[in-house]
Structures are given as structure tokens and as C-alpha cells.
């Protein structure tokens, strides 16, 4: 220890991005948080999702206790944090983790609205469905919603006004459970998939006439939509395809 009043410049000095557990300053992304597992817990409670994402990676350094913290990330309010936690856990061999993921699919709630023949709302109620986010990279996700199977009558009666001849005969159709995109594919999502290795044909990265990252992609032909599904299947290891008419 140096004499009183003198500084020892040979001792390790704090870096600008070091944060001591219990301090008032929020840690910087990628900065070192002193305090071990307690430090990771603090960052997982931070308001900024970037802090929680960085903390998930560090949590894996602390064995079973760290895995418990990563599993808590599955319930995070941020979809990006949820998927990061899911991706980290999917690479683990722990039987406990595998059991947790086996039954994991996030839920979302939505309104179901019924209207009459004039388009006036006649009823409304809340429902919920499970989904999983397909990671396209660079913070882009494709939400795939679980659609239950069932049986229904397809086609129209001869007495229906405005019907076409090819809508007959009316017949019973049974559809197995499947997943469908929650929203139309956006232009940003299209560009992400268009940048993947081709399967059978090329994809134009900017096919839309009116551009905007969150606007639906436009002017896509059937063959391009099939190629989109095939590239996504190749990347994800899941089978993507276009829905059938019944679906």
C-alpha cells in the first residue's frame, strides 16, 4: 500500500467502461460489470433491451444458475430478448433446458370481430394464439402463428348471390394444424431472404413500386414466392411453403 496521500500508478486502475455493482451509473453495452452473477441479474433488470441482451451471454458463464437466468429471458417483454434467450438455450444439452423449450411458444392476444351483411360489428371477444419468431438476422423476425386444424364447408351454394361456377360443389374439407405468417411479408424481410443463397432462381432485392421497410412487398410472382419459401427453409431447417386454398 502506498504511503498516505500518494497514489500508486502501478496498481490496476478502473477502465472507463467498468461499472461497480451498486453504483448509480448504468453499465455500457459490452462493459465489464463487477459482481459476478449478481451483476448479471442487475443487467437483466435494466430498462434498455441492449443491456439485457448482453447480460444473457454473460449468464452462461455461471452454470445452472446462469441457465436459470437465461430461461427467465423467455418471458421478457422484448421479442428480441426472448429470441436471444431461446437461441442460447437451444444450443444447450441440459435435460432441464430441453424440457423447458419443448413446451415453449410465446402467446399473443387479439380481438375477434364478427360483422353482419352490412359490415356492422355485431360481436367482439378476446382470443389468444401461440407463435414462434423466425430469426431472419439483423433484428428482423418473421412471426409464425399456430393455426388449429379443423373441418369446414368450402365452396358456395347455387343460391349465393355473385357466385362463380368454379365455386361448386360445396364440400367438406379437413385441414391439419399449421403455421402461417402473422403479417404480410414486409420489404425489409424480403430483402433479408433475398440476400440468402439461392435455391433455384434469383430474387430481386427491391421489387416493390412503393418502397418502405415495413410496407408489404409488391409485384411478386408465384415462382418468386416459392423461391422465398425455399430459401427460408434452407436457412431455418424448417419447411416453409405457400398456403393451400383451403388453408
Protein backbone atom coordinates (compact mmCIF):
# COMPACT_ATOMS: atom_id res chain seq x y z
CA UNK A 1 0.00 0.00 0.00
CA UNK A 2 1.45 3.42 -0.89
CA UNK A 3 2.12 5.96 1.85
CA UNK A 4 -0.86 8.12 2.84
CA UNK A 5 -1.54 10.82 0.25
CA UNK A 6 0.45 9.09 -2.50
CA UNK A 7 -1.04 7.25 -5.47
CA UNK A 8 0.45 4.03 -6.76
CA UNK A 9 0.19 4.30 -10.53
CA UNK A 10 1.32 0.67 -10.87
CA UNK A 11 -1.89 -0.70 -9.33
CA UNK A 12 -4.70 -1.67 -11.76
CA UNK A 13 -6.91 1.31 -12.44
CA UNK A 14 -10.65 1.18 -13.32
CA UNK A 15 -11.40 1.46 -17.02
CA UNK A 16 -13.91 3.96 -18.36
CA UNK A 17 -16.41 1.19 -19.15
CA UNK A 18 -16.07 -0.67 -15.82
CA UNK A 19 -19.10 -0.44 -13.54
CA UNK A 20 -19.04 -1.42 -9.89
CA UNK A 21 -22.09 -3.36 -8.70
CA UNK A 22 -24.25 -1.00 -6.67
CA UNK A 23 -23.13 2.12 -8.50
CA UNK A 24 -25.66 4.60 -9.85
CA UNK A 25 -24.37 4.68 -13.43
CA UNK A 26 -25.91 2.17 -15.87
CA UNK A 27 -23.37 -0.18 -17.44
CA UNK A 28 -22.39 0.36 -21.06
CA UNK A 29 -23.16 -2.35 -23.57
CA UNK A 30 -20.21 -4.73 -23.55
CA UNK A 31 -18.73 -3.06 -20.46
CA UNK A 32 -17.48 -5.16 -17.54
CA UNK A 33 -19.83 -5.36 -14.56
CA UNK A 34 -18.14 -6.28 -11.31
CA UNK A 35 -20.18 -8.51 -9.03
CA UNK A 36 -20.39 -11.85 -10.85
CA UNK A 37 -23.83 -13.43 -11.04
CA UNK A 38 -25.40 -10.57 -9.08
CA UNK A 39 -24.07 -8.19 -11.69
CA UNK A 40 -25.72 -10.25 -14.44
CA UNK A 41 -29.03 -10.17 -12.54
CA UNK A 42 -28.83 -6.39 -12.30
CA UNK A 43 -28.27 -6.00 -16.04
CA UNK A 44 -31.16 -8.38 -16.81
CA UNK A 45 -33.39 -5.96 -14.89
CA UNK A 46 -32.15 -2.93 -16.86
CA UNK A 47 -34.64 -0.85 -18.84
CA UNK A 48 -32.60 -0.98 -22.07
CA UNK A 49 -33.07 -4.23 -24.02
CA UNK A 50 -29.45 -3.94 -25.25
CA UNK A 51 -28.28 -4.38 -21.65
CA UNK A 52 -30.47 -7.44 -21.16
CA UNK A 53 -29.22 -8.99 -24.42
CA UNK A 54 -25.58 -8.56 -23.35
CA UNK A 55 -26.35 -9.98 -19.90
CA UNK A 56 -27.82 -13.16 -21.38
CA UNK A 57 -24.48 -14.02 -22.96
CA UNK A 58 -22.64 -13.46 -19.67
CA UNK A 59 -25.16 -15.55 -17.72
CA UNK A 60 -23.96 -18.71 -19.48
CA UNK A 61 -20.64 -18.41 -17.62
CA UNK A 62 -22.36 -19.31 -14.33
CA UNK A 63 -23.55 -22.88 -14.92
CA UNK A 64 -27.02 -23.96 -13.83
CA UNK A 65 -27.67 -20.68 -12.02
CA UNK A 66 -26.89 -18.78 -15.20
CA UNK A 67 -29.14 -21.04 -17.28
CA UNK A 68 -32.00 -20.27 -14.90
CA UNK A 69 -31.50 -16.56 -15.65
CA UNK A 70 -31.44 -17.19 -19.40
CA UNK A 71 -34.70 -19.14 -19.12
CA UNK A 72 -36.25 -16.08 -17.48
CA UNK A 73 -35.40 -14.23 -20.70
CA UNK A 74 -38.06 -16.32 -22.47
CA UNK A 75 -40.65 -14.22 -20.63
CA UNK A 76 -39.02 -10.86 -21.41
CA UNK A 77 -41.22 -8.09 -22.86
CA UNK A 78 -38.78 -7.65 -25.78
CA UNK A 79 -39.24 -10.10 -28.66
CA UNK A 80 -35.54 -9.76 -29.48
CA UNK A 81 -34.55 -10.71 -25.93
CA UNK A 82 -36.99 -13.63 -26.00
CA UNK A 83 -35.49 -14.98 -29.20
CA UNK A 84 -31.91 -14.42 -27.99
CA UNK A 85 -32.71 -16.44 -24.86
CA UNK A 86 -34.34 -19.14 -26.98
CA UNK A 87 -31.32 -19.34 -29.32
CA UNK A 88 -28.85 -19.61 -26.42
CA UNK A 89 -30.89 -22.29 -24.70
CA UNK A 90 -31.42 -24.29 -27.89
CA UNK A 91 -27.65 -24.88 -28.04
CA UNK A 92 -27.52 -26.37 -24.52
CA UNK A 93 -27.51 -30.07 -23.68
CA UNK A 94 -29.11 -29.72 -20.24
CA UNK A 95 -32.19 -32.02 -19.92
CA UNK A 96 -33.88 -29.32 -17.83
CA UNK A 97 -33.41 -26.76 -20.60
CA UNK A 98 -34.61 -29.17 -23.30
CA UNK A 99 -37.76 -29.86 -21.29
CA UNK A 100 -38.39 -26.12 -20.86
CA UNK A 101 -38.05 -25.46 -24.59
CA UNK A 102 -40.15 -28.45 -25.58
CA UNK A 103 -43.27 -26.70 -24.33
CA UNK A 104 -42.21 -23.14 -25.12
CA UNK A 105 -44.10 -20.95 -27.55
CA UNK A 106 -44.93 -17.33 -26.76
CA UNK A 107 -48.56 -16.17 -26.80
CA UNK A 108 -50.23 -13.02 -28.09
CA UNK A 109 -53.78 -11.74 -27.66
CA UNK A 110 -56.08 -10.36 -30.34
CA UNK A 111 -59.70 -9.27 -30.90
CA UNK A 112 -62.10 -11.48 -32.84
CA UNK A 113 -64.74 -9.32 -34.53
CA UNK A 114 -67.94 -10.53 -36.21
CA UNK A 115 -69.81 -8.28 -38.64
CA UNK A 116 -73.22 -8.56 -40.29
CA UNK A 117 -74.01 -8.43 -44.03
CA UNK A 118 -73.76 -4.62 -43.97
CA UNK A 119 -70.32 -4.67 -42.32
CA UNK A 120 -71.57 -3.51 -38.91
CA UNK A 121 -69.86 -5.03 -35.89
CA UNK A 122 -72.15 -7.49 -34.15
CA UNK A 123 -69.80 -9.06 -31.60
CA UNK A 124 -66.24 -8.85 -30.30
CA UNK A 125 -64.20 -11.00 -27.92
CA UNK A 126 -60.59 -11.57 -26.94
CA UNK A 127 -58.67 -14.65 -28.00
CA UNK A 128 -55.06 -15.77 -27.96
CA UNK A 129 -52.71 -17.82 -30.10
CA UNK A 130 -49.19 -19.16 -29.88
CA UNK A 131 -46.44 -18.17 -32.30
CA UNK A 132 -42.71 -18.51 -32.81
CA UNK A 133 -40.37 -15.84 -34.21
CA UNK A 134 -38.22 -16.95 -37.17
CA UNK A 135 -34.94 -15.02 -36.99
CA UNK A 136 -34.01 -13.51 -40.37
CA UNK A 137 -30.93 -11.71 -39.00
CA UNK A 138 -30.16 -8.06 -38.24
CA UNK A 139 -33.03 -7.80 -35.76
CA UNK A 140 -35.68 -8.94 -38.27
CA UNK A 141 -38.18 -11.64 -37.32
CA UNK A 142 -40.98 -13.43 -39.13
CA UNK A 143 -43.77 -14.24 -36.65
CA UNK A 144 -45.36 -17.61 -37.45
CA UNK A 145 -48.76 -18.13 -35.78
CA UNK A 146 -50.18 -21.51 -34.82
CA UNK A 147 -53.43 -22.22 -36.72
CA UNK A 148 -55.53 -25.09 -35.30
CA UNK A 149 -56.80 -27.77 -37.63
CA UNK A 150 -60.47 -28.37 -38.30
CA UNK A 151 -63.22 -29.21 -40.76
CA UNK A 152 -65.38 -26.71 -42.65
CA UNK A 153 -67.57 -26.39 -45.75
CA UNK A 154 -65.66 -24.99 -48.71
CA UNK A 155 -67.35 -23.51 -51.78
CA UNK A 156 -70.66 -21.70 -52.25
CA UNK A 157 -74.29 -22.69 -52.67
CA UNK A 158 -76.04 -22.28 -56.01
CA UNK A 159 -78.30 -19.70 -54.37
CA UNK A 160 -75.45 -17.41 -53.23
CA UNK A 161 -75.53 -14.03 -54.97
CA UNK A 162 -72.49 -13.19 -57.10
CA UNK A 163 -71.06 -16.71 -57.00
CA UNK A 164 -68.89 -18.16 -59.78
CA UNK A 165 -69.40 -21.61 -61.36
CA UNK A 166 -66.00 -22.88 -60.19
CA UNK A 167 -67.04 -22.38 -56.55
CA UNK A 168 -69.15 -25.55 -56.72
CA UNK A 169 -69.80 -28.06 -55.46
CA UNK A 170 -69.79 -27.15 -51.78
CA UNK A 171 -67.82 -29.83 -49.95
CA UNK A 172 -66.34 -30.68 -46.57
CA UNK A 173 -62.60 -30.00 -46.15
CA UNK A 174 -60.37 -31.04 -43.24
CA UNK A 175 -57.21 -29.01 -42.62
CA UNK A 176 -54.40 -30.19 -40.34
CA UNK A 177 -52.79 -27.73 -37.86
CA UNK A 178 -50.18 -25.46 -39.45
CA UNK A 179 -48.32 -22.17 -39.00
CA UNK A 180 -48.91 -19.04 -41.05
CA UNK A 181 -47.22 -15.65 -41.07
CA UNK A 182 -48.86 -13.20 -38.67
CA UNK A 183 -48.47 -10.32 -41.16
CA UNK A 184 -47.79 -9.94 -44.89
CA UNK A 185 -44.08 -10.23 -45.71
CA UNK A 186 -42.51 -6.78 -45.47
CA UNK A 187 -39.97 -5.33 -47.87
CA UNK A 188 -37.27 -5.47 -45.17
CA UNK A 189 -38.00 -9.18 -44.60
CA UNK A 190 -37.93 -9.81 -48.35
CA UNK A 191 -34.50 -8.17 -48.67
CA UNK A 192 -33.16 -10.32 -45.82
CA UNK A 193 -34.27 -13.53 -47.54
CA UNK A 194 -33.19 -12.28 -50.98
CA UNK A 195 -29.66 -11.98 -49.56
CA UNK A 196 -29.60 -15.71 -48.68
CA UNK A 197 -28.02 -18.28 -51.03
CA UNK A 198 -30.36 -19.10 -53.95
CA UNK A 199 -32.07 -22.48 -54.31
CA UNK A 200 -33.42 -22.50 -57.86
CA UNK A 201 -33.66 -18.89 -59.06
CA UNK A 202 -32.62 -15.34 -58.22
CA UNK A 203 -34.72 -12.87 -56.24
CA UNK A 204 -34.84 -9.14 -56.88
CA UNK A 205 -33.98 -7.40 -53.58
CA UNK A 206 -36.20 -4.35 -54.33
CA UNK A 207 -39.24 -5.49 -56.36
CA UNK A 208 -41.77 -3.06 -54.86
CA UNK A 209 -43.02 0.07 -56.61
CA UNK A 210 -43.83 1.95 -53.38
CA UNK A 211 -40.89 1.39 -51.04
CA UNK A 212 -40.77 1.26 -47.25
CA UNK A 213 -39.19 -1.23 -44.84
CA UNK A 214 -42.47 -2.02 -43.07
CA UNK A 215 -44.70 -1.94 -46.16
CA UNK A 216 -45.79 -5.25 -47.72
CA UNK A 217 -43.65 -6.47 -50.59
CA UNK A 218 -45.23 -5.90 -54.03
CA UNK A 219 -45.14 -7.20 -57.62
CA UNK A 220 -44.06 -10.71 -56.61
CA UNK A 221 -44.86 -13.60 -58.94
CA UNK A 222 -45.71 -17.14 -57.79
CA UNK A 223 -42.26 -18.52 -58.69
CA UNK A 224 -40.54 -15.84 -56.60
CA UNK A 225 -42.80 -16.57 -53.63
CA UNK A 226 -41.85 -20.26 -53.91
CA UNK A 227 -38.14 -19.34 -54.02
CA UNK A 228 -38.62 -17.16 -50.93
CA UNK A 229 -40.04 -20.17 -49.07
CA UNK A 230 -37.28 -22.49 -50.29
CA UNK A 231 -34.50 -20.14 -49.19
CA UNK A 232 -36.12 -19.69 -45.79
CA UNK A 233 -36.48 -23.46 -45.46
CA UNK A 234 -32.80 -23.92 -46.30
CA UNK A 235 -31.74 -21.33 -43.72
CA UNK A 236 -34.01 -22.41 -40.86
CA UNK A 237 -34.15 -26.18 -41.27
CA UNK A 238 -37.97 -25.93 -41.18
CA UNK A 239 -40.27 -26.48 -44.16
CA UNK A 240 -41.79 -23.24 -45.46
CA UNK A 241 -44.32 -23.23 -48.30
CA UNK A 242 -47.25 -21.23 -49.67
CA UNK A 243 -50.64 -21.97 -48.06
CA UNK A 244 -53.22 -24.05 -49.89
CA UNK A 245 -56.55 -22.53 -50.93
CA UNK A 246 -58.29 -24.34 -48.07
CA UNK A 247 -55.72 -23.11 -45.55
